[in-house]
Amino acid sequence: MSDVLLVLLIVFLVAVAILAAVVLVLRRRNLAKAAAPRPRVDPLADEPDVYDPHSIGVGDVITYAGVDHVVRGTIVLEEGGMTWREHLLDGSTGRRWLTVEDDEGDLEMTLWMRREGTNLTPDGDVILDDRVHRQIERGRAAYTAEGTTGTPPSGTMEYADYATADKTGQIAFERWAPTQSWEVSTGRTVSRGELTVYHRTPEA
């Protein structure tokens, strides 16, 4: 009887040793997994990598050169099947206009600042800031306005665009009524990356 007990004891001890070895191996594997660096996940992977400039609208906030601007109003213009938008941006450094349009499939965005007291008109070459600007485009467009724009809700406007030979200088002439004097603005082209857009949260 003692021999049987001895055999059982040996079998029990072997089983305990095997179980302990299995537990040790599993524990080491778990520790190794925990110690291994987890791959980093892009927190913005589900967000679009660029905003859609054509979706900018009244109430959005646009950051340019570190300054936040609220979109106070938007004018949608149409001429000959072409459509473009002008957004009135209001920030701590003053008001400016952002034009967004597609030119033969290429996105063009331009920031404009009003120039008061120039007494310029779009007749022939124009000299401003000691630089010669030549007319590159002129026409008449129908428009509708939303928000604060300083224009009627809809109507027809005249425009004339000028630029220097190297395109670094831009002038825009706009007239919102035949009896109105020309509004003069100077502009610079901006890229998508220069602007950060925070869209207005839709109302419930």
C-alpha atoms as a PDB file:
ATOM      1  CA  MET A   1       0.000   0.000   0.000  1.00  0.00           C
ATOM      2  CA  SER A   2       2.870   2.350   0.707  1.00  0.00           C
ATOM      3  CA  ASP A   3       4.214   1.797  -2.823  1.00  0.00           C
ATOM      4  CA  VAL A   4       0.889   2.875  -4.315  1.00  0.00           C
ATOM      5  CA  LEU A   5       0.850   6.011  -2.176  1.00  0.00           C
ATOM      6  CA  LEU A   6       4.418   6.785  -3.230  1.00  0.00           C
ATOM      7  CA  VAL A   7       3.500   6.476  -6.905  1.00  0.00           C
ATOM      8  CA  LEU A   8       0.471   8.677  -6.443  1.00  0.00           C
ATOM      9  CA  LEU A   9       2.571  11.232  -4.615  1.00  0.00           C
ATOM     10  CA  ILE A  10       5.126  11.265  -7.421  1.00  0.00           C
ATOM     11  CA  VAL A  11       2.393  11.652 -10.040  1.00  0.00           C
ATOM     12  CA  PHE A  12       0.861  14.502  -8.049  1.00  0.00           C
ATOM     13  CA  LEU A  13       4.192  16.271  -7.693  1.00  0.00           C
ATOM     14  CA  VAL A  14       4.893  15.911 -11.421  1.00  0.00           C
ATOM     15  CA  ALA A  15       1.465  17.320 -12.263  1.00  0.00           C
ATOM     16  CA  VAL A  16       2.024  20.247  -9.916  1.00  0.00           C
ATOM     17  CA  ALA A  17       5.417  20.911 -11.501  1.00  0.00           C
ATOM     18  CA  ILE A  18       3.946  20.817 -15.024  1.00  0.00           C
ATOM     19  CA  LEU A  19       1.109  23.138 -13.992  1.00  0.00           C
ATOM     20  CA  ALA A  20       3.561  25.566 -12.388  1.00  0.00           C
ATOM     21  CA  ALA A  21       5.697  25.557 -15.551  1.00  0.00           C
ATOM     22  CA  VAL A  22       2.651  26.276 -17.716  1.00  0.00           C
ATOM     23  CA  VAL A  23       1.587  29.136 -15.447  1.00  0.00           C
ATOM     24  CA  LEU A  24       5.109  30.580 -15.523  1.00  0.00           C
ATOM     25  CA  VAL A  25       5.297  30.434 -19.318  1.00  0.00           C
ATOM     26  CA  LEU A  26       1.898  32.104 -19.710  1.00  0.00           C
ATOM     27  CA  ARG A  27       2.808  34.806 -17.229  1.00  0.00           C
ATOM     28  CA  ARG A  28       6.054  35.579 -19.065  1.00  0.00           C
ATOM     29  CA  ARG A  29       4.171  35.820 -22.357  1.00  0.00           C
ATOM     30  CA  ASN A  30       1.667  38.240 -20.857  1.00  0.00           C
ATOM     31  CA  LEU A  31       4.463  40.350 -19.408  1.00  0.00           C
ATOM     32  CA  ALA A  32       6.217  40.410 -22.759  1.00  0.00           C
ATOM     33  CA  LYS A  33       3.036  41.568 -24.504  1.00  0.00           C
ATOM     34  CA  ALA A  34       2.493  44.269 -21.908  1.00  0.00           C
ATOM     35  CA  ALA A  35       6.072  45.496 -22.229  1.00  0.00           C
ATOM     36  CA  ALA A  36       5.983  45.602 -26.039  1.00  0.00           C
ATOM     37  CA  PRO A  37       5.226  49.142 -27.359  1.00  0.00           C
ATOM     38  CA  ARG A  38       1.740  49.468 -28.755  1.00  0.00           C
ATOM     39  CA  PRO A  39       1.466  50.925 -32.266  1.00  0.00           C
ATOM     40  CA  ARG A  40       0.360  54.536 -32.204  1.00  0.00           C
ATOM     41  CA  VAL A  41      -2.991  55.402 -33.731  1.00  0.00           C
ATOM     42  CA  ASP A  42      -3.716  58.611 -35.604  1.00  0.00           C
ATOM     43  CA  PRO A  43      -6.451  60.365 -33.545  1.00  0.00           C
ATOM     44  CA  LEU A  44      -7.627  62.216 -36.652  1.00  0.00           C
ATOM     45  CA  ALA A  45      -7.645  59.207 -38.965  1.00  0.00           C
ATOM     46  CA  ASP A  46     -11.407  59.398 -39.331  1.00  0.00           C
ATOM     47  CA  GLU A  47     -11.351  63.138 -40.050  1.00  0.00           C
ATOM     48  CA  PRO A  48     -10.754  64.600 -43.532  1.00  0.00           C
ATOM     49  CA  ASP A  49      -7.137  65.646 -44.023  1.00  0.00           C
ATOM     50  CA  VAL A  50      -8.210  68.919 -45.649  1.00  0.00           C
ATOM     51  CA  TYR A  51     -11.342  71.000 -45.345  1.00  0.00           C
ATOM     52  CA  ASP A  52     -13.544  71.803 -48.310  1.00  0.00           C
ATOM     53  CA  PRO A  53     -13.142  75.526 -49.088  1.00  0.00           C
ATOM     54  CA  HIS A  54     -16.432  75.454 -51.002  1.00  0.00           C
ATOM     55  CA  SER A  55     -18.324  74.582 -47.788  1.00  0.00           C
ATOM     56  CA  ILE A  56     -17.258  77.762 -45.967  1.00  0.00           C
ATOM     57  CA  GLY A  57     -20.295  79.752 -44.863  1.00  0.00           C
ATOM     58  CA  VAL A  58     -21.761  82.311 -42.486  1.00  0.00           C
ATOM     59  CA  GLY A  59     -20.904  81.593 -38.843  1.00  0.00           C
ATOM     60  CA  ASP A  60     -17.696  79.676 -39.547  1.00  0.00           C
ATOM     61  CA  VAL A  61     -14.446  80.718 -37.871  1.00  0.00           C
ATOM     62  CA  ILE A  62     -11.342  81.014 -40.031  1.00  0.00           C
ATOM     63  CA  THR A  63      -7.876  81.385 -38.527  1.00  0.00           C
ATOM     64  CA  TYR A  64      -5.323  83.217 -40.644  1.00  0.00           C
ATOM     65  CA  ALA A  65      -1.866  84.339 -39.469  1.00  0.00           C
ATOM     66  CA  GLY A  66      -2.826  83.381 -35.921  1.00  0.00           C
ATOM     67  CA  VAL A  67      -5.934  85.582 -35.888  1.00  0.00           C
ATOM     68  CA  ASP A  68      -9.485  84.218 -35.718  1.00  0.00           C
ATOM     69  CA  HIS A  69     -12.035  85.692 -38.122  1.00  0.00           C
ATOM     70  CA  VAL A  70     -15.787  85.105 -38.096  1.00  0.00           C
ATOM     71  CA  VAL A  71     -17.524  84.730 -41.456  1.00  0.00           C
ATOM     72  CA  ARG A  72     -20.117  87.509 -41.205  1.00  0.00           C
ATOM     73  CA  GLY A  73     -21.567  87.184 -44.690  1.00  0.00           C
ATOM     74  CA  THR A  74     -21.265  85.343 -47.977  1.00  0.00           C
ATOM     75  CA  ILE A  75     -21.912  86.499 -51.537  1.00  0.00           C
ATOM     76  CA  VAL A  76     -22.440  83.874 -54.243  1.00  0.00           C
ATOM     77  CA  LEU A  77     -21.708  85.216 -57.731  1.00  0.00           C
ATOM     78  CA  GLU A  78     -22.503  83.658 -61.107  1.00  0.00           C
ATOM     79  CA  GLU A  79     -21.468  84.599 -64.613  1.00  0.00           C
ATOM     80  CA  GLY A  80     -21.657  82.469 -67.731  1.00  0.00           C
ATOM     81  CA  GLY A  81     -22.025  79.239 -65.801  1.00  0.00           C
ATOM     82  CA  MET A  82     -19.101  80.043 -63.495  1.00  0.00           C
ATOM     83  CA  THR A  83     -19.766  80.403 -59.763  1.00  0.00           C
ATOM     84  CA  TRP A  84     -17.542  81.830 -57.055  1.00  0.00           C
ATOM     85  CA  ARG A  85     -17.968  83.036 -53.472  1.00  0.00           C
ATOM     86  CA  GLU A  86     -16.836  86.014 -51.480  1.00  0.00           C
ATOM     87  CA  HIS A  87     -16.833  85.759 -47.675  1.00  0.00           C
ATOM     88  CA  LEU A  88     -16.656  88.749 -45.330  1.00  0.00           C
ATOM     89  CA  LEU A  89     -14.215  87.893 -42.521  1.00  0.00           C
ATOM     90  CA  ASP A  90     -14.283  89.950 -39.332  1.00  0.00           C
ATOM     91  CA  GLY A  91     -11.358  89.701 -36.910  1.00  0.00           C
ATOM     92  CA  SER A  92      -9.395  91.709 -34.362  1.00  0.00           C
ATOM     93  CA  THR A  93      -7.130  93.090 -37.119  1.00  0.00           C
ATOM     94  CA  GLY A  94     -10.046  94.323 -39.204  1.00  0.00           C
ATOM     95  CA  ARG A  95     -12.270  93.072 -41.981  1.00  0.00           C
ATOM     96  CA  ARG A  96     -11.172  91.371 -45.148  1.00  0.00           C
ATOM     97  CA  TRP A  97     -12.765  89.364 -47.926  1.00  0.00           C
ATOM     98  CA  LEU A  98     -11.939  85.797 -48.938  1.00  0.00           C
ATOM     99  CA  THR A  99     -12.669  84.773 -52.533  1.00  0.00           C
ATOM    100  CA  VAL A 100     -13.032  81.054 -53.281  1.00  0.00           C
ATOM    101  CA  GLU A 101     -13.334  79.894 -56.877  1.00  0.00           C
ATOM    102  CA  ASP A 102     -12.379  77.149 -59.313  1.00  0.00           C
ATOM    103  CA  ASP A 103     -10.397  78.302 -62.320  1.00  0.00           C
ATOM    104  CA  GLU A 104     -10.460  75.516 -64.915  1.00  0.00           C
ATOM    105  CA  GLY A 105     -10.432  72.921 -62.152  1.00  0.00           C
ATOM    106  CA  ASP A 106      -7.782  74.631 -60.021  1.00  0.00           C
ATOM    107  CA  LEU A 107      -8.776  76.018 -56.636  1.00  0.00           C
ATOM    108  CA  GLU A 108      -7.983  79.696 -56.147  1.00  0.00           C
ATOM    109  CA  MET A 109      -8.338  81.502 -52.825  1.00  0.00           C
ATOM    110  CA  THR A 110      -7.520  85.173 -52.393  1.00  0.00           C
ATOM    111  CA  LEU A 111      -7.652  87.440 -49.346  1.00  0.00           C
ATOM    112  CA  TRP A 112      -8.628  91.040 -50.075  1.00  0.00           C
ATOM    113  CA  MET A 113      -8.292  94.244 -48.072  1.00  0.00           C
ATOM    114  CA  ARG A 114     -10.285  97.349 -48.959  1.00  0.00           C
ATOM    115  CA  ARG A 115      -8.240 100.373 -50.028  1.00  0.00           C
ATOM    116  CA  GLU A 116      -9.975 103.638 -49.301  1.00  0.00           C
ATOM    117  CA  GLY A 117      -9.285 106.981 -50.944  1.00  0.00           C
ATOM    118  CA  THR A 118      -7.387 105.710 -53.980  1.00  0.00           C
ATOM    119  CA  ASN A 119      -9.726 107.408 -56.480  1.00  0.00           C
ATOM    120  CA  LEU A 120      -8.763 104.676 -58.947  1.00  0.00           C
ATOM    121  CA  THR A 121     -11.019 103.437 -61.745  1.00  0.00           C
ATOM    122  CA  PRO A 122     -10.578 100.441 -64.042  1.00  0.00           C
ATOM    123  CA  ASP A 123      -9.607 102.438 -67.100  1.00  0.00           C
ATOM    124  CA  GLY A 124      -6.352 101.413 -68.759  1.00  0.00           C
ATOM    125  CA  ASP A 125      -3.312 100.509 -66.688  1.00  0.00           C
ATOM    126  CA  VAL A 126      -3.513 101.256 -62.967  1.00  0.00           C
ATOM    127  CA  ILE A 127      -0.605 102.349 -60.779  1.00  0.00           C
ATOM    128  CA  LEU A 128      -0.860 101.588 -57.065  1.00  0.00           C
ATOM    129  CA  ASP A 129       1.984 101.442 -54.543  1.00  0.00           C
ATOM    130  CA  ASP A 130       4.359 102.408 -57.355  1.00  0.00           C
ATOM    131  CA  ARG A 131       3.509  99.247 -59.298  1.00  0.00           C
ATOM    132  CA  VAL A 132       1.791  98.946 -62.652  1.00  0.00           C
ATOM    133  CA  HIS A 133      -1.293  96.715 -62.778  1.00  0.00           C
ATOM    134  CA  ARG A 134      -2.951  95.618 -66.011  1.00  0.00           C
ATOM    135  CA  GLN A 135      -6.482  94.382 -66.497  1.00  0.00           C
ATOM    136  CA  ILE A 136      -6.806  90.602 -66.739  1.00  0.00           C
ATOM    137  CA  GLU A 137     -10.562  90.148 -66.486  1.00  0.00           C
ATOM    138  CA  ARG A 138     -13.736  92.205 -66.519  1.00  0.00           C
ATOM    139  CA  GLY A 139     -17.440  91.378 -66.459  1.00  0.00           C
ATOM    140  CA  ARG A 140     -20.845  91.530 -64.881  1.00  0.00           C
ATOM    141  CA  ALA A 141     -22.169  88.885 -62.476  1.00  0.00           C
ATOM    142  CA  ALA A 142     -25.480  88.104 -60.810  1.00  0.00           C
ATOM    143  CA  TYR A 143     -25.280  87.594 -57.068  1.00  0.00           C
ATOM    144  CA  THR A 144     -27.163  86.571 -53.940  1.00  0.00           C
ATOM    145  CA  ALA A 145     -26.047  87.532 -50.453  1.00  0.00           C
ATOM    146  CA  GLU A 146     -26.424  85.923 -47.037  1.00  0.00           C
ATOM    147  CA  GLY A 147     -25.654  87.422 -43.651  1.00  0.00           C
ATOM    148  CA  THR A 148     -23.875  90.754 -43.300  1.00  0.00           C
ATOM    149  CA  THR A 149     -22.318  91.874 -46.593  1.00  0.00           C
ATOM    150  CA  GLY A 150     -23.246  95.531 -47.058  1.00  0.00           C
ATOM    151  CA  THR A 151     -24.969  94.681 -50.334  1.00  0.00           C
ATOM    152  CA  PRO A 152     -28.621  94.133 -51.290  1.00  0.00           C
ATOM    153  CA  PRO A 153     -29.857  90.519 -50.921  1.00  0.00           C
ATOM    154  CA  SER A 154     -29.496  90.012 -54.670  1.00  0.00           C
ATOM    155  CA  GLY A 155     -28.708  91.893 -57.832  1.00  0.00           C
ATOM    156  CA  THR A 156     -26.053  92.426 -60.477  1.00  0.00           C
ATOM    157  CA  MET A 157     -22.549  93.773 -59.972  1.00  0.00           C
ATOM    158  CA  GLU A 158     -19.640  94.850 -62.172  1.00  0.00           C
ATOM    159  CA  TYR A 159     -16.053  93.800 -61.567  1.00  0.00           C
ATOM    160  CA  ALA A 160     -12.608  94.281 -63.049  1.00  0.00           C
ATOM    161  CA  ASP A 161      -9.511  92.365 -61.955  1.00  0.00           C
ATOM    162  CA  TYR A 162      -5.982  93.693 -62.342  1.00  0.00           C
ATOM    163  CA  ALA A 163      -2.548  92.219 -61.632  1.00  0.00           C
ATOM    164  CA  THR A 164       1.127  93.069 -61.936  1.00  0.00           C
ATOM    165  CA  ALA A 165       3.238  91.294 -64.539  1.00  0.00           C
ATOM    166  CA  ASP A 166       4.552  88.821 -61.943  1.00  0.00           C
ATOM    167  CA  LYS A 167       1.056  88.306 -60.453  1.00  0.00           C
ATOM    168  CA  THR A 168       2.256  89.207 -56.957  1.00  0.00           C
ATOM    169  CA  GLY A 169       0.171  92.371 -56.939  1.00  0.00           C
ATOM    170  CA  GLN A 170      -3.598  92.106 -57.358  1.00  0.00           C
ATOM    171  CA  ILE A 171      -6.333  94.723 -57.478  1.00  0.00           C
ATOM    172  CA  ALA A 172     -10.083  94.084 -57.568  1.00  0.00           C
ATOM    173  CA  PHE A 173     -12.607  96.720 -58.641  1.00  0.00           C
ATOM    174  CA  GLU A 174     -16.248  96.089 -57.728  1.00  0.00           C
ATOM    175  CA  ARG A 175     -19.379  98.161 -58.249  1.00  0.00           C
ATOM    176  CA  TRP A 176     -22.713  96.997 -56.868  1.00  0.00           C
ATOM    177  CA  ALA A 177     -24.867  99.610 -58.630  1.00  0.00           C
ATOM    178  CA  PRO A 178     -24.326 101.673 -61.790  1.00  0.00           C
ATOM    179  CA  THR A 179     -24.446 104.917 -59.799  1.00  0.00           C
ATOM    180  CA  GLN A 180     -22.024 103.645 -57.145  1.00  0.00           C
ATOM    181  CA  SER A 181     -18.313 104.442 -57.162  1.00  0.00           C
ATOM    182  CA  TRP A 182     -15.820 101.614 -57.609  1.00  0.00           C
ATOM    183  CA  GLU A 183     -14.693  99.738 -54.498  1.00  0.00           C
ATOM    184  CA  VAL A 184     -10.962  99.025 -54.632  1.00  0.00           C
ATOM    185  CA  SER A 185      -9.268  96.092 -52.877  1.00  0.00           C
ATOM    186  CA  THR A 186      -5.767  94.659 -52.953  1.00  0.00           C
ATOM    187  CA  GLY A 187      -5.256  90.950 -52.564  1.00  0.00           C
ATOM    188  CA  ARG A 188      -2.860  88.090 -52.133  1.00  0.00           C
ATOM    189  CA  THR A 189      -3.296  84.439 -53.019  1.00  0.00           C
ATOM    190  CA  VAL A 190      -3.455  82.038 -50.056  1.00  0.00           C
ATOM    191  CA  SER A 191      -3.154  78.269 -49.922  1.00  0.00           C
ATOM    192  CA  ARG A 192      -5.372  75.853 -48.019  1.00  0.00           C
ATOM    193  CA  GLY A 193      -2.654  75.298 -45.470  1.00  0.00           C
ATOM    194  CA  GLU A 194      -2.583  78.972 -44.502  1.00  0.00           C
ATOM    195  CA  LEU A 195      -6.179  78.811 -43.296  1.00  0.00           C
ATOM    196  CA  THR A 196      -7.764  76.774 -40.509  1.00  0.00           C
ATOM    197  CA  VAL A 197     -11.540  76.481 -40.756  1.00  0.00           C
ATOM    198  CA  TYR A 198     -13.913  75.683 -37.877  1.00  0.00           C
ATOM    199  CA  HIS A 199     -17.372  75.104 -39.272  1.00  0.00           C
ATOM    200  CA  ARG A 200     -20.376  76.407 -37.394  1.00  0.00           C
ATOM    201  CA  THR A 201     -22.173  73.697 -35.426  1.00  0.00           C
ATOM    202  CA  PRO A 202     -25.576  73.038 -37.056  1.00  0.00           C
ATOM    203  CA  GLU A 203     -28.485  74.140 -34.916  1.00  0.00           C
ATOM    204  CA  ALA A 204     -30.638  71.388 -33.465  1.00  0.00           C
END
